[in-house]
Amino acid sequence: MARVIAFFPNKERIGEAVDSLRKAGFDRKDMVISDSSPDPDEEELDGAINLKTEPEALGEEHTYNSYLYEWVKEGMVTLAVELPAREKGWVADILRRHGAEKIIFD
């Protein structure tokens, strides 16, 4: 299994992306949405970026964490999708069509 993490400017765009992914056969339980308030405090930011990459889960430092922190701090909403690795490309295309501004493959 792999994961695609997409960053959207607002919740409305994520809703559209989730609808398209469900129509494409994905289950909502394979998706995680995370956001923060317009003026988040440090504790809220820590919760909003609790999307660990596989190397981080194994205790390795990874550069994604600093990017995640900054993008969520800017108010972006994240959508993470668990999927077979062979499907990453076309799923990323769906996410981009619905306004994803940044995408990370994990």
C-alpha atoms as a PDB file:
ATOM      1  CA  MET A   1       0.000   0.000   0.000  1.00  0.00           C
ATOM      2  CA  ALA A   2       1.022   3.577  -0.630  1.00  0.00           C
ATOM      3  CA  ARG A   3      -0.323   6.969   0.287  1.00  0.00           C
ATOM      4  CA  VAL A   4      -0.971  10.219  -1.543  1.00  0.00           C
ATOM      5  CA  ILE A   5      -1.172  13.342   0.639  1.00  0.00           C
ATOM      6  CA  ALA A   6      -2.744  16.368  -1.040  1.00  0.00           C
ATOM      7  CA  PHE A   7      -2.953  19.943   0.259  1.00  0.00           C
ATOM      8  CA  PHE A   8      -6.024  22.020  -0.600  1.00  0.00           C
ATOM      9  CA  PRO A   9      -6.784  25.698   0.046  1.00  0.00           C
ATOM     10  CA  ASN A  10     -10.201  24.934   1.611  1.00  0.00           C
ATOM     11  CA  LYS A  11     -12.628  22.216   2.729  1.00  0.00           C
ATOM     12  CA  GLU A  12     -15.016  22.702  -0.193  1.00  0.00           C
ATOM     13  CA  ARG A  13     -12.380  21.561  -2.682  1.00  0.00           C
ATOM     14  CA  ILE A  14     -11.633  18.498  -0.564  1.00  0.00           C
ATOM     15  CA  GLY A  15     -15.321  17.583  -0.501  1.00  0.00           C
ATOM     16  CA  GLU A  16     -15.370  17.556  -4.301  1.00  0.00           C
ATOM     17  CA  ALA A  17     -12.204  15.430  -4.407  1.00  0.00           C
ATOM     18  CA  VAL A  18     -13.624  12.928  -1.890  1.00  0.00           C
ATOM     19  CA  ASP A  19     -16.811  12.617  -3.973  1.00  0.00           C
ATOM     20  CA  SER A  20     -14.763  11.898  -7.114  1.00  0.00           C
ATOM     21  CA  LEU A  21     -12.590   9.345  -5.316  1.00  0.00           C
ATOM     22  CA  ARG A  22     -15.671   7.565  -3.976  1.00  0.00           C
ATOM     23  CA  LYS A  23     -17.168   7.466  -7.486  1.00  0.00           C
ATOM     24  CA  ALA A  24     -13.855   5.962  -8.658  1.00  0.00           C
ATOM     25  CA  GLY A  25     -14.273   3.118  -6.139  1.00  0.00           C
ATOM     26  CA  PHE A  26     -12.379   4.309  -3.055  1.00  0.00           C
ATOM     27  CA  ASP A  27     -13.874   3.832   0.397  1.00  0.00           C
ATOM     28  CA  ARG A  28     -14.107   6.859   2.695  1.00  0.00           C
ATOM     29  CA  LYS A  29     -12.317   4.854   5.414  1.00  0.00           C
ATOM     30  CA  ASP A  30      -9.185   4.948   3.221  1.00  0.00           C
ATOM     31  CA  MET A  31      -9.121   8.751   3.401  1.00  0.00           C
ATOM     32  CA  VAL A  32      -8.002  11.051   6.231  1.00  0.00           C
ATOM     33  CA  ILE A  33      -8.864  14.753   6.229  1.00  0.00           C
ATOM     34  CA  SER A  34      -7.007  17.120   8.537  1.00  0.00           C
ATOM     35  CA  ASP A  35      -7.268  20.878   8.928  1.00  0.00           C
ATOM     36  CA  SER A  36      -6.718  23.691  11.412  1.00  0.00           C
ATOM     37  CA  SER A  37      -8.574  26.872  12.315  1.00  0.00           C
ATOM     38  CA  PRO A  38      -7.685  30.171  10.585  1.00  0.00           C
ATOM     39  CA  ASP A  39      -5.400  31.110  13.491  1.00  0.00           C
ATOM     40  CA  PRO A  40      -4.142  27.806  14.927  1.00  0.00           C
ATOM     41  CA  ASP A  41      -2.112  27.509  18.102  1.00  0.00           C
ATOM     42  CA  GLU A  42       0.912  25.203  18.369  1.00  0.00           C
ATOM     43  CA  GLU A  43      -1.055  22.348  19.952  1.00  0.00           C
ATOM     44  CA  GLU A  44      -3.664  22.418  17.183  1.00  0.00           C
ATOM     45  CA  LEU A  45      -0.947  22.464  14.512  1.00  0.00           C
ATOM     46  CA  ASP A  46       0.719  19.433  16.058  1.00  0.00           C
ATOM     47  CA  GLY A  47      -2.580  17.540  15.829  1.00  0.00           C
ATOM     48  CA  ALA A  48      -3.294  18.702  12.289  1.00  0.00           C
ATOM     49  CA  ILE A  49      -0.004  17.421  10.937  1.00  0.00           C
ATOM     50  CA  ASN A  50      -0.084  14.043  12.597  1.00  0.00           C
ATOM     51  CA  LEU A  51       0.279  12.301   9.220  1.00  0.00           C
ATOM     52  CA  LYS A  52       3.387  10.198   9.685  1.00  0.00           C
ATOM     53  CA  THR A  53       5.271   8.941   6.687  1.00  0.00           C
ATOM     54  CA  GLU A  54       6.498   5.344   6.777  1.00  0.00           C
ATOM     55  CA  PRO A  55      10.132   6.333   7.582  1.00  0.00           C
ATOM     56  CA  GLU A  56       8.862   8.538  10.445  1.00  0.00           C
ATOM     57  CA  ALA A  57       6.766   5.685  11.813  1.00  0.00           C
ATOM     58  CA  LEU A  58       9.986   3.686  11.970  1.00  0.00           C
ATOM     59  CA  GLY A  59      11.680   6.468  13.938  1.00  0.00           C
ATOM     60  CA  GLU A  60      13.606   8.061  11.080  1.00  0.00           C
ATOM     61  CA  GLU A  61      13.669  11.826  10.631  1.00  0.00           C
ATOM     62  CA  HIS A  62      12.117  12.993   7.391  1.00  0.00           C
ATOM     63  CA  THR A  63      11.921  16.367   5.664  1.00  0.00           C
ATOM     64  CA  TYR A  64       8.170  16.103   5.000  1.00  0.00           C
ATOM     65  CA  ASN A  65       7.378  17.126   8.562  1.00  0.00           C
ATOM     66  CA  SER A  66       8.711  20.651   8.119  1.00  0.00           C
ATOM     67  CA  TYR A  67       6.743  21.055   4.867  1.00  0.00           C
ATOM     68  CA  LEU A  68       3.579  19.684   6.458  1.00  0.00           C
ATOM     69  CA  TYR A  69       3.905  22.072   9.372  1.00  0.00           C
ATOM     70  CA  GLU A  70       4.330  25.133   7.138  1.00  0.00           C
ATOM     71  CA  TRP A  71       1.528  24.208   4.738  1.00  0.00           C
ATOM     72  CA  VAL A  72      -0.958  23.504   7.525  1.00  0.00           C
ATOM     73  CA  LYS A  73       0.151  26.695   9.291  1.00  0.00           C
ATOM     74  CA  GLU A  74      -0.758  28.536   6.064  1.00  0.00           C
ATOM     75  CA  GLY A  75      -4.285  27.162   6.511  1.00  0.00           C
ATOM     76  CA  MET A  76      -4.176  24.392   3.934  1.00  0.00           C
ATOM     77  CA  VAL A  77      -6.393  21.345   4.459  1.00  0.00           C
ATOM     78  CA  THR A  78      -4.896  17.901   3.867  1.00  0.00           C
ATOM     79  CA  LEU A  79      -6.395  14.784   2.350  1.00  0.00           C
ATOM     80  CA  ALA A  80      -4.423  11.557   2.680  1.00  0.00           C
ATOM     81  CA  VAL A  81      -5.510   8.531   0.637  1.00  0.00           C
ATOM     82  CA  GLU A  82      -4.304   4.959   1.242  1.00  0.00           C
ATOM     83  CA  LEU A  83      -4.128   3.062  -2.038  1.00  0.00           C
ATOM     84  CA  PRO A  84      -2.218   0.447  -4.019  1.00  0.00           C
ATOM     85  CA  ALA A  85       1.044   1.967  -5.292  1.00  0.00           C
ATOM     86  CA  ARG A  86       0.105   1.413  -8.929  1.00  0.00           C
ATOM     87  CA  GLU A  87      -2.855   3.825  -8.541  1.00  0.00           C
ATOM     88  CA  LYS A  88      -0.907   6.848  -7.258  1.00  0.00           C
ATOM     89  CA  GLY A  89      -0.645   8.593 -10.623  1.00  0.00           C
ATOM     90  CA  TRP A  90      -4.281   8.721 -11.636  1.00  0.00           C
ATOM     91  CA  VAL A  91      -5.433   9.476  -8.085  1.00  0.00           C
ATOM     92  CA  ALA A  92      -3.014  12.428  -7.973  1.00  0.00           C
ATOM     93  CA  ASP A  93      -4.554  13.611 -11.272  1.00  0.00           C
ATOM     94  CA  ILE A  94      -8.033  13.543  -9.690  1.00  0.00           C
ATOM     95  CA  LEU A  95      -6.760  15.497  -6.679  1.00  0.00           C
ATOM     96  CA  ARG A  96      -5.086  18.114  -8.895  1.00  0.00           C
ATOM     97  CA  ARG A  97      -8.271  18.534 -10.971  1.00  0.00           C
ATOM     98  CA  HIS A  98     -10.094  19.377  -7.756  1.00  0.00           C
ATOM     99  CA  GLY A  99      -7.614  22.015  -6.659  1.00  0.00           C
ATOM    100  CA  ALA A 100      -4.833  20.243  -4.759  1.00  0.00           C
ATOM    101  CA  GLU A 101      -1.966  22.736  -4.661  1.00  0.00           C
ATOM    102  CA  LYS A 102       0.692  20.373  -3.337  1.00  0.00           C
ATOM    103  CA  ILE A 103       0.952  16.584  -3.442  1.00  0.00           C
ATOM    104  CA  ILE A 104       3.314  14.245  -1.591  1.00  0.00           C
ATOM    105  CA  PHE A 105       3.714  10.555  -2.449  1.00  0.00           C
ATOM    106  CA  ASP A 106       4.520   8.299   0.488  1.00  0.00           C
END
